[in-house]
Amino acid sequence: MLADQRMTMAEKILARASGRTRVAPGEFVTAKVDLVMANDAVFPGACKALEDAGLKKVFDANKIVVVIDHWVPANTPAIAEMHRGIREQVRELGLPHFYDAGVGIEHNVVPEKGHALPGQLILGSDSHSTTYGALGAASTGIGMTELAYVMYTGKLWFQVPPTIRFNLTGSLGHGVAPKDLMLALLGRFTTQVAQYKAVEFAGPAAQSMDMEGRLTLANISSELGAKFSMFAADAKTLEYLRPRTQAAVQAFGPDADAQYEAVHTIDCSKIEPQVAAPHKPDNVKNVSEFAGTRVDQAFIGSCTNSRAGDLKRAAAIMKGHKVAAGTRFLIIPASHEVMVEAMQNGSLAVLVEAGAMVGTPGCGPCAGGSTGVLGPGETGIASTNRNFKGRGGSTESFLYLASPETVAASAIEGRITDPRKYMGTAR
């Protein structure tokens, strides 16, 4: 009975945002949003839609964040002109939260700058906007038409999704990253398991996971089909946010007796380093199944895995080694802040000395048509979130997905390699 049910995180946020005391899966609500994120791939079209409708203002300039990250630096005159237009549109609309080319990837910048907070309802013009759920927000991606509507009205309708809970137990082994855990979930449950459903990560392993790991899981949950992907906002969340925002933030999580569509318990200690083979993110097997596969390019970047901790762990593997002849190793930090930290802690120096190329913070080849793409017939391994045909360059290329550790080890050998070989624990 509805009266006896308490709510999941997504339900609590949608209830609050729609002015109701309680909602249940399947119900339709119209909810007010707390934050809107727009990137260079969608913002120009949304602004044109507003202009064509004769609308010259937004619902709340302080609740809109605009980021240029998909094509950075501008790689054609047309892209440069588009970026110029975005800067002009931002000025005309009076939007104070604008992050120009080089500041970083949207899904790193929004948390980094303290815009995403626990309990918020956030909409972003990118499918991986689920990332902000790592901070206890209900966040999801929208398209250009929805973006224009939300920028003007500040609200959108939702069907309340059911929630799947992943109870994470045990501990990830040495050389096994949160990315491996996420790939293992994709391999076991497929990309269809959470279509228009919310996901909650809980349990001892979720509680012990650092914020970077949580951001990775929330980000790539989009590949599970998740509408929202969330961690409870706990002491670690508040510690992360404290220096980044002046807003009052509080712990936030599901009700103790929340009702879930399904609960899956995952023993993290049993997970090996994972690799997703072309051309599906859920085409996943243990790294040993693909060991020895030749790679033309290894790439650490994207909104999934290019934060300071990722670069530091990759550098620990690369230290004292060189990139294999015939293999390109590309590093694109998630943000300017991450790049500076990696410079200061020495990670970037180790990677460059090993032979890596370093790019401007941005999406890079993950956007499909930017810098560092794969050519026809080439094979790459990347710390990104998708390996569909053409995602990293040519539609005739082959892209494998893995953790930054596996990518770094593969760069050393020029072939897909178990990273534990370079960490003293290969099996």
Protein backbone atom coordinates (compact mmCIF):
# COMPACT_ATOMS: atom_id res chain seq x y z
CA MET A 1 0.00 0.00 0.00
CA LEU A 2 1.26 3.45 -0.88
CA ALA A 3 0.55 4.78 2.60
CA ASP A 4 2.91 2.18 4.08
CA GLN A 5 5.76 2.87 1.68
CA ARG A 6 8.64 5.22 2.26
CA MET A 7 10.60 6.67 -0.63
CA THR A 8 13.80 6.09 -2.53
CA MET A 9 16.15 9.00 -3.25
CA ALA A 10 14.64 9.71 -6.68
CA GLU A 11 11.11 9.58 -5.29
CA LYS A 12 11.95 11.96 -2.44
CA ILE A 13 13.48 14.50 -4.84
CA LEU A 14 10.64 14.32 -7.36
CA ALA A 15 8.07 14.63 -4.58
CA ARG A 16 9.76 17.74 -3.17
CA ALA A 17 10.30 19.29 -6.62
CA SER A 18 6.66 18.76 -7.60
CA GLY A 19 5.24 20.08 -4.33
CA ARG A 20 3.93 16.73 -3.13
CA THR A 21 4.43 14.81 0.10
CA ARG A 22 4.73 11.45 -1.64
CA VAL A 23 5.08 9.97 -5.10
CA ALA A 24 5.19 6.39 -6.36
CA PRO A 25 6.66 4.72 -9.46
CA GLY A 26 4.51 5.17 -12.54
CA GLU A 27 2.97 8.48 -11.48
CA PHE A 28 3.43 11.58 -13.62
CA VAL A 29 4.59 14.82 -12.02
CA THR A 30 5.63 18.28 -13.17
CA ALA A 31 8.75 19.23 -11.23
CA LYS A 32 10.73 22.43 -10.77
CA VAL A 33 14.43 21.99 -11.51
CA ASP A 34 17.23 23.23 -9.28
CA LEU A 35 19.96 23.38 -11.93
CA VAL A 36 20.25 23.21 -15.72
CA MET A 37 23.51 22.35 -17.49
CA ALA A 38 24.03 23.15 -21.17
CA ASN A 39 27.03 22.33 -23.36
CA ASP A 40 28.33 23.57 -26.70
CA ALA A 41 26.71 20.67 -28.56
CA VAL A 42 23.15 21.65 -27.58
CA PHE A 43 23.07 25.17 -26.12
CA PRO A 44 23.18 27.03 -29.49
CA GLY A 45 20.18 25.10 -30.82
CA ALA A 46 18.21 25.66 -27.63
CA CYS A 47 18.92 29.40 -27.79
CA LYS A 48 17.77 29.50 -31.41
CA ALA A 49 14.54 27.73 -30.45
CA LEU A 50 13.91 30.39 -27.81
CA GLU A 51 14.68 33.17 -30.28
CA ASP A 52 12.38 31.67 -32.93
CA ALA A 53 9.61 31.61 -30.32
CA GLY A 54 10.25 35.29 -29.47
CA LEU A 55 11.47 34.43 -25.96
CA LYS A 56 14.34 36.58 -24.71
CA LYS A 57 14.79 35.51 -21.09
CA VAL A 58 15.39 32.43 -18.94
CA PHE A 59 13.61 31.31 -15.78
CA ASP A 60 16.61 31.95 -13.49
CA ALA A 61 20.05 32.89 -14.79
CA ASN A 62 21.71 31.71 -11.57
CA LYS A 63 20.41 28.18 -12.09
CA ILE A 64 21.91 27.67 -15.55
CA VAL A 65 25.48 26.47 -16.15
CA VAL A 66 26.99 26.61 -19.65
CA VAL A 67 30.18 24.70 -20.54
CA ILE A 68 32.21 24.59 -23.76
CA ASP A 69 33.88 21.17 -23.77
CA HIS A 70 32.97 19.00 -26.76
CA TRP A 71 35.27 20.60 -29.35
CA VAL A 72 38.23 22.07 -27.49
CA PRO A 73 40.22 23.79 -28.81
CA ALA A 74 38.00 24.70 -31.76
CA ASN A 75 39.15 22.47 -34.61
CA THR A 76 37.39 24.13 -37.57
CA PRO A 77 36.37 27.70 -38.43
CA ALA A 78 32.73 26.65 -38.07
CA ILE A 79 33.33 25.41 -34.50
CA ALA A 80 35.22 28.59 -33.64
CA GLU A 81 32.27 30.62 -34.90
CA MET A 82 29.87 28.48 -32.89
CA HIS A 83 31.92 29.09 -29.74
CA ARG A 84 31.89 32.83 -30.45
CA GLY A 85 28.11 32.67 -30.74
CA ILE A 86 27.82 30.85 -27.41
CA ARG A 87 29.83 33.57 -25.66
CA GLU A 88 27.54 36.18 -27.17
CA GLN A 89 24.40 34.26 -26.16
CA VAL A 90 25.69 33.89 -22.61
CA ARG A 91 26.23 37.65 -22.38
CA GLU A 92 22.81 38.45 -23.83
CA LEU A 93 21.04 36.13 -21.41
CA GLY A 94 23.10 37.35 -18.45
CA LEU A 95 24.28 33.90 -17.40
CA PRO A 96 26.95 34.17 -14.67
CA HIS A 97 27.99 30.51 -14.62
CA PHE A 98 29.84 30.13 -17.91
CA TYR A 99 32.93 27.95 -18.33
CA ASP A 100 34.77 28.64 -21.56
CA ALA A 101 36.97 26.30 -23.60
CA GLY A 102 39.76 24.82 -21.52
CA VAL A 103 38.08 24.95 -18.10
CA GLY A 104 37.12 21.32 -18.43
CA ILE A 105 34.54 18.66 -19.18
CA GLU A 106 31.03 19.54 -18.02
CA HIS A 107 30.61 16.50 -15.80
CA ASN A 108 33.79 17.32 -13.93
CA VAL A 109 33.30 21.08 -13.89
CA VAL A 110 29.75 21.07 -12.45
CA PRO A 111 30.71 19.09 -9.29
CA GLU A 112 34.13 20.72 -9.09
CA LYS A 113 32.65 24.23 -9.01
CA GLY A 114 30.06 23.28 -6.39
CA HIS A 115 26.96 23.53 -8.58
CA ALA A 116 25.57 20.02 -7.95
CA LEU A 117 24.25 19.53 -4.41
CA PRO A 118 22.51 16.73 -2.48
CA GLY A 119 18.76 16.51 -2.96
CA GLN A 120 18.69 18.64 -6.10
CA LEU A 121 16.86 17.90 -9.34
CA ILE A 122 19.31 18.59 -12.17
CA LEU A 123 18.85 18.41 -15.94
CA GLY A 124 21.79 18.43 -18.34
CA SER A 125 22.04 18.51 -22.11
CA ASP A 126 24.11 15.32 -22.17
CA SER A 127 23.23 11.70 -21.52
CA HIS A 128 25.94 11.32 -18.89
CA SER A 129 24.38 13.98 -16.69
CA THR A 130 23.63 11.08 -14.34
CA THR A 131 27.15 11.86 -13.01
CA TYR A 132 25.84 14.36 -10.46
CA GLY A 133 24.03 11.56 -8.66
CA ALA A 134 27.39 10.79 -7.05
CA LEU A 135 26.63 13.85 -4.89
CA GLY A 136 23.13 12.72 -3.97
CA ALA A 137 21.32 14.63 -6.73
CA ALA A 138 18.68 13.28 -9.10
CA SER A 139 20.21 14.22 -12.42
CA THR A 140 19.48 13.14 -15.97
CA GLY A 141 20.06 14.09 -19.59
CA ILE A 142 17.70 15.98 -21.88
CA GLY A 143 17.68 16.98 -25.55
CA MET A 144 17.71 20.33 -27.29
CA THR A 145 13.95 20.95 -27.32
CA GLU A 146 13.61 20.01 -23.65
CA LEU A 147 16.59 22.23 -22.84
CA ALA A 148 14.95 25.24 -24.48
CA TYR A 149 11.69 24.56 -22.61
CA VAL A 150 13.42 24.12 -19.25
CA MET A 151 15.62 27.19 -19.71
CA TYR A 152 12.46 29.25 -20.15
CA THR A 153 10.07 27.60 -17.69
CA GLY A 154 12.34 26.01 -15.08
CA LYS A 155 10.25 22.85 -14.97
CA LEU A 156 9.63 19.57 -16.80
CA TRP A 157 7.31 16.57 -16.50
CA PHE A 158 8.57 13.19 -15.35
CA GLN A 159 7.19 9.74 -14.87
CA VAL A 160 8.41 8.63 -11.45
CA PRO A 161 10.83 5.75 -12.12
CA PRO A 162 11.12 2.54 -10.11
CA THR A 163 14.49 2.12 -8.41
CA ILE A 164 17.05 -0.68 -8.54
CA ARG A 165 19.45 -0.90 -5.61
CA PHE A 166 22.96 -2.29 -6.02
CA ASN A 167 24.25 -3.39 -2.62
CA LEU A 168 28.05 -3.36 -2.89
CA THR A 169 29.90 -5.60 -0.44
CA GLY A 170 33.54 -6.62 -0.04
CA SER A 171 36.44 -4.57 -1.36
CA LEU A 172 37.88 -4.06 -4.82
CA GLY A 173 41.19 -5.86 -5.16
CA HIS A 174 44.55 -4.22 -5.81
CA GLY A 175 44.59 -3.06 -9.41
CA VAL A 176 40.80 -3.27 -9.73
CA ALA A 177 39.11 0.11 -10.16
CA PRO A 178 35.54 1.39 -9.80
CA LYS A 179 35.48 1.41 -13.62
CA ASP A 180 36.02 -2.35 -13.54
CA LEU A 181 33.09 -2.70 -11.17
CA MET A 182 30.87 -0.71 -13.52
CA LEU A 183 31.96 -2.72 -16.55
CA ALA A 184 31.28 -5.92 -14.60
CA LEU A 185 27.75 -4.69 -13.88
CA LEU A 186 27.24 -3.93 -17.56
CA GLY A 187 28.49 -7.37 -18.53
CA ARG A 188 26.19 -9.09 -16.05
CA PHE A 189 23.03 -6.97 -16.31
CA THR A 190 23.35 -5.45 -19.85
CA THR A 191 22.45 -1.98 -21.08
CA GLN A 192 18.74 -2.74 -20.73
CA VAL A 193 18.50 -3.42 -16.99
CA ALA A 194 17.68 0.13 -15.89
CA GLN A 195 15.85 1.63 -18.85
CA TYR A 196 13.85 4.57 -17.39
CA LYS A 197 14.67 3.40 -13.88
CA ALA A 198 16.65 4.97 -11.06
CA VAL A 199 19.72 3.26 -9.64
CA GLU A 200 21.02 3.53 -6.08
CA PHE A 201 24.46 2.33 -5.01
CA ALA A 202 24.65 1.35 -1.35
CA GLY A 203 26.40 -1.04 1.00
CA PRO A 204 29.84 -1.05 2.64
CA ALA A 205 31.81 -0.81 -0.62
CA ALA A 206 29.75 2.16 -1.78
CA GLN A 207 30.26 3.90 1.55
CA SER A 208 34.03 3.36 1.48
CA MET A 209 34.39 4.46 -2.16
CA ASP A 210 35.98 7.88 -2.68
CA MET A 211 34.21 10.65 -4.58
CA GLU A 212 36.10 10.01 -7.80
CA GLY A 213 34.96 6.39 -7.81
CA ARG A 214 31.38 7.43 -7.11
CA LEU A 215 31.49 9.94 -9.97
CA THR A 216 32.71 7.20 -12.31
CA LEU A 217 29.90 4.81 -11.36
CA ALA A 218 27.19 7.47 -11.54
CA ASN A 219 28.53 8.63 -14.91
CA ILE A 220 28.60 5.32 -16.71
CA SER A 221 25.29 4.19 -15.20
CA SER A 222 23.85 5.95 -18.21
CA GLU A 223 24.98 2.86 -20.14
CA LEU A 224 22.75 0.73 -17.89
CA GLY A 225 19.88 2.85 -19.19
CA ALA A 226 19.48 4.63 -15.84
CA LYS A 227 17.29 7.72 -15.64
CA PHE A 228 18.99 8.65 -12.37
CA SER A 229 22.02 7.07 -10.69
CA MET A 230 22.64 7.99 -7.08
CA PHE A 231 24.78 7.58 -4.00
CA ALA A 232 23.57 8.74 -0.59
CA ALA A 233 25.19 12.05 0.33
CA ASP A 234 27.27 11.24 3.40
CA ALA A 235 30.24 12.69 5.30
CA LYS A 236 32.52 12.16 2.27
CA THR A 237 30.11 14.06 0.05
CA LEU A 238 29.91 16.98 2.47
CA GLU A 239 33.70 17.05 2.85
CA TYR A 240 34.05 17.22 -0.94
CA LEU A 241 31.50 20.04 -1.23
CA ARG A 242 32.53 22.14 1.77
CA PRO A 243 35.36 24.05 0.01
CA ARG A 244 33.39 24.25 -3.24
CA THR A 245 30.13 25.92 -2.22
CA GLN A 246 28.80 28.41 0.30
CA ALA A 247 25.39 26.74 0.22
CA ALA A 248 24.22 24.88 3.29
CA VAL A 249 24.50 21.19 2.45
CA GLN A 250 23.16 18.25 4.42
CA ALA A 251 23.34 14.49 4.25
CA PHE A 252 20.67 12.97 2.05
CA GLY A 253 19.62 9.42 1.31
CA PRO A 254 16.66 7.07 0.88
CA ASP A 255 14.19 6.35 3.61
CA ALA A 256 15.13 3.31 5.68
CA ASP A 257 12.16 1.30 4.47
CA ALA A 258 12.12 2.50 0.85
CA GLN A 259 10.62 0.11 -1.67
CA TYR A 260 12.80 -1.12 -4.56
CA GLU A 261 11.93 -2.90 -7.77
CA ALA A 262 14.99 -5.10 -7.30
CA VAL A 263 18.01 -5.38 -4.99
CA HIS A 264 21.23 -6.92 -6.30
CA THR A 265 24.13 -7.74 -3.98
CA ILE A 266 27.55 -7.52 -5.62
CA ASP A 267 30.70 -8.91 -3.98
CA CYS A 268 33.37 -6.48 -5.17
CA SER A 269 36.20 -8.74 -4.02
CA LYS A 270 35.37 -11.21 -6.81
CA ILE A 271 35.77 -8.68 -9.63
CA GLU A 272 38.78 -8.81 -11.96
CA PRO A 273 40.01 -6.02 -14.25
CA GLN A 274 37.42 -5.80 -17.03
CA VAL A 275 37.39 -4.83 -20.71
CA ALA A 276 34.41 -4.01 -22.94
CA ALA A 277 35.01 -5.07 -26.54
CA PRO A 278 33.63 -3.37 -29.67
CA HIS A 279 30.99 -2.26 -30.30
CA LYS A 280 28.92 -2.38 -27.09
CA PRO A 281 29.62 -1.21 -23.52
CA ASP A 282 28.13 -4.45 -22.17
CA ASN A 283 30.29 -6.71 -24.35
CA VAL A 284 32.44 -7.29 -21.27
CA LYS A 285 34.89 -9.99 -20.20
CA ASN A 286 37.88 -10.26 -17.87
CA VAL A 287 40.99 -8.56 -19.22
CA SER A 288 42.64 -11.97 -19.69
CA GLU A 289 40.13 -12.72 -22.49
CA PHE A 290 41.56 -9.87 -24.58
CA ALA A 291 45.19 -9.89 -23.43
CA GLY A 292 47.58 -9.45 -26.34
CA THR A 293 45.16 -7.56 -28.60
CA ARG A 294 47.22 -4.95 -30.47
CA VAL A 295 46.29 -1.30 -29.82
CA ASP A 296 47.21 1.69 -31.97
CA GLN A 297 46.11 4.22 -29.36
CA ALA A 298 45.59 4.25 -25.61
CA PHE A 299 43.51 7.12 -24.28
CA ILE A 300 42.91 8.28 -20.72
CA GLY A 301 40.25 10.96 -20.73
CA SER A 302 36.52 11.71 -20.87
CA CYS A 303 33.96 12.53 -18.18
CA THR A 304 34.27 8.97 -16.86
CA ASN A 305 37.92 8.57 -15.92
CA SER A 306 40.32 11.50 -16.27
CA ARG A 307 40.38 12.96 -12.78
CA ALA A 308 43.44 13.54 -10.64
CA GLY A 309 43.28 10.13 -8.98
CA ASP A 310 42.96 8.40 -12.35
CA LEU A 311 46.07 10.17 -13.65
CA LYS A 312 47.99 9.46 -10.45
CA ARG A 313 47.28 5.73 -10.62
CA ALA A 314 48.16 5.63 -14.32
CA ALA A 315 51.42 7.43 -13.59
CA ALA A 316 52.30 4.87 -10.88
CA ILE A 317 52.02 2.15 -13.52
CA MET A 318 53.92 4.11 -16.19
CA LYS A 319 56.80 5.18 -13.92
CA GLY A 320 60.05 3.81 -15.28
CA HIS A 321 58.43 2.62 -18.53
CA LYS A 322 57.95 3.99 -22.03
CA VAL A 323 55.02 3.91 -24.41
CA ALA A 324 55.40 1.03 -26.87
CA ALA A 325 56.69 1.83 -30.34
CA GLY A 326 53.79 2.14 -32.77
CA THR A 327 51.28 3.01 -30.05
CA ARG A 328 50.02 6.51 -29.30
CA PHE A 329 49.25 7.38 -25.68
CA LEU A 330 46.90 10.34 -25.24
CA ILE A 331 46.05 12.00 -21.91
CA ILE A 332 43.32 14.63 -21.63
CA PRO A 333 42.69 15.78 -18.04
CA ALA A 334 39.07 16.30 -17.01
CA SER A 335 39.62 19.95 -16.14
CA HIS A 336 42.15 22.71 -15.72
CA GLU A 337 42.00 22.10 -11.97
CA VAL A 338 42.82 18.43 -12.51
CA MET A 339 45.68 19.32 -14.86
CA VAL A 340 47.21 21.68 -12.31
CA GLU A 341 46.94 19.07 -9.54
CA ALA A 342 48.53 16.44 -11.79
CA MET A 343 51.35 18.86 -12.56
CA GLN A 344 51.90 19.63 -8.89
CA ASN A 345 51.91 16.01 -7.71
CA GLY A 346 54.20 14.91 -10.53
CA SER A 347 51.74 12.60 -12.31
CA LEU A 348 51.77 14.57 -15.52
CA ALA A 349 55.57 14.69 -15.64
CA VAL A 350 55.77 10.89 -15.31
CA LEU A 351 53.23 10.38 -18.08
CA VAL A 352 54.90 12.85 -20.45
CA GLU A 353 58.35 11.41 -19.78
CA ALA A 354 56.94 7.99 -20.65
CA GLY A 355 55.88 9.34 -24.05
CA ALA A 356 52.29 10.44 -23.52
CA MET A 357 50.73 13.33 -25.41
CA VAL A 358 48.70 15.73 -23.26
CA GLY A 359 45.66 17.60 -24.59
CA THR A 360 43.60 20.58 -23.49
CA PRO A 361 40.91 19.67 -20.91
CA GLY A 362 37.79 18.69 -22.86
CA CYS A 363 36.03 15.71 -24.38
CA GLY A 364 38.67 14.93 -27.01
CA PRO A 365 38.07 11.81 -29.14
CA CYS A 366 35.14 10.74 -26.95
CA ALA A 367 33.09 13.42 -28.75
CA GLY A 368 33.78 11.52 -31.98
CA GLY A 369 35.08 14.34 -34.13
CA SER A 370 37.57 16.22 -32.00
CA THR A 371 41.30 15.66 -31.40
CA GLY A 372 42.98 12.28 -31.06
CA VAL A 373 40.55 10.18 -33.07
CA LEU A 374 41.10 6.67 -34.42
CA GLY A 375 41.55 6.11 -38.15
CA PRO A 376 39.99 3.36 -40.32
CA GLY A 377 41.12 -0.08 -39.23
CA GLU A 378 42.78 1.18 -36.05
CA THR A 379 42.21 -0.26 -32.59
CA GLY A 380 42.09 1.79 -29.41
CA ILE A 381 41.66 1.23 -25.71
CA ALA A 382 40.19 4.05 -23.65
CA SER A 383 38.91 4.99 -20.22
CA THR A 384 35.75 6.37 -21.82
CA ASN A 385 32.13 5.24 -21.44
CA ARG A 386 31.03 4.22 -24.94
CA ASN A 387 32.54 2.17 -27.73
CA PHE A 388 29.84 2.34 -30.40
CA LYS A 389 30.99 2.48 -34.02
CA GLY A 390 32.51 5.88 -34.69
CA ARG A 391 32.48 6.96 -31.05
CA GLY A 392 36.25 7.45 -30.95
CA GLY A 393 36.80 8.35 -34.59
CA SER A 394 36.31 6.32 -37.77
CA THR A 395 33.29 4.03 -38.05
CA GLU A 396 35.81 1.47 -39.27
CA SER A 397 37.86 1.58 -36.06
CA PHE A 398 37.62 -0.68 -33.00
CA LEU A 399 37.42 0.67 -29.46
CA TYR A 400 37.84 -1.23 -26.19
CA LEU A 401 36.85 0.26 -22.82
CA ALA A 402 38.83 -0.23 -19.63
CA SER A 403 40.07 1.41 -16.44
CA PRO A 404 42.87 4.01 -16.53
CA GLU A 405 45.13 1.38 -14.99
CA THR A 406 44.47 -1.09 -17.80
CA VAL A 407 44.85 1.64 -20.42
CA ALA A 408 48.24 2.65 -18.98
CA ALA A 409 49.51 -0.95 -18.86
CA SER A 410 48.33 -1.47 -22.43
CA ALA A 411 50.20 1.66 -23.55
CA ILE A 412 53.43 0.19 -22.18
CA GLU A 413 53.08 -3.04 -24.14
CA GLY A 414 51.11 -1.80 -27.16
CA ARG A 415 48.68 -4.60 -26.42
CA ILE A 416 45.79 -5.03 -24.01
CA THR A 417 47.44 -5.91 -20.70
CA ASP A 418 46.40 -6.80 -17.16
CA PRO A 419 47.51 -3.78 -15.08
CA ARG A 420 48.35 -5.99 -12.10
CA LYS A 421 51.40 -7.12 -14.05
CA TYR A 422 52.84 -3.68 -13.27
CA MET A 423 51.52 -3.59 -9.71
CA GLY A 424 53.02 -6.80 -8.37
CA THR A 425 49.75 -8.74 -8.17
CA ALA A 426 49.13 -10.23 -11.63
CA ARG A 427 47.37 -13.58 -11.59
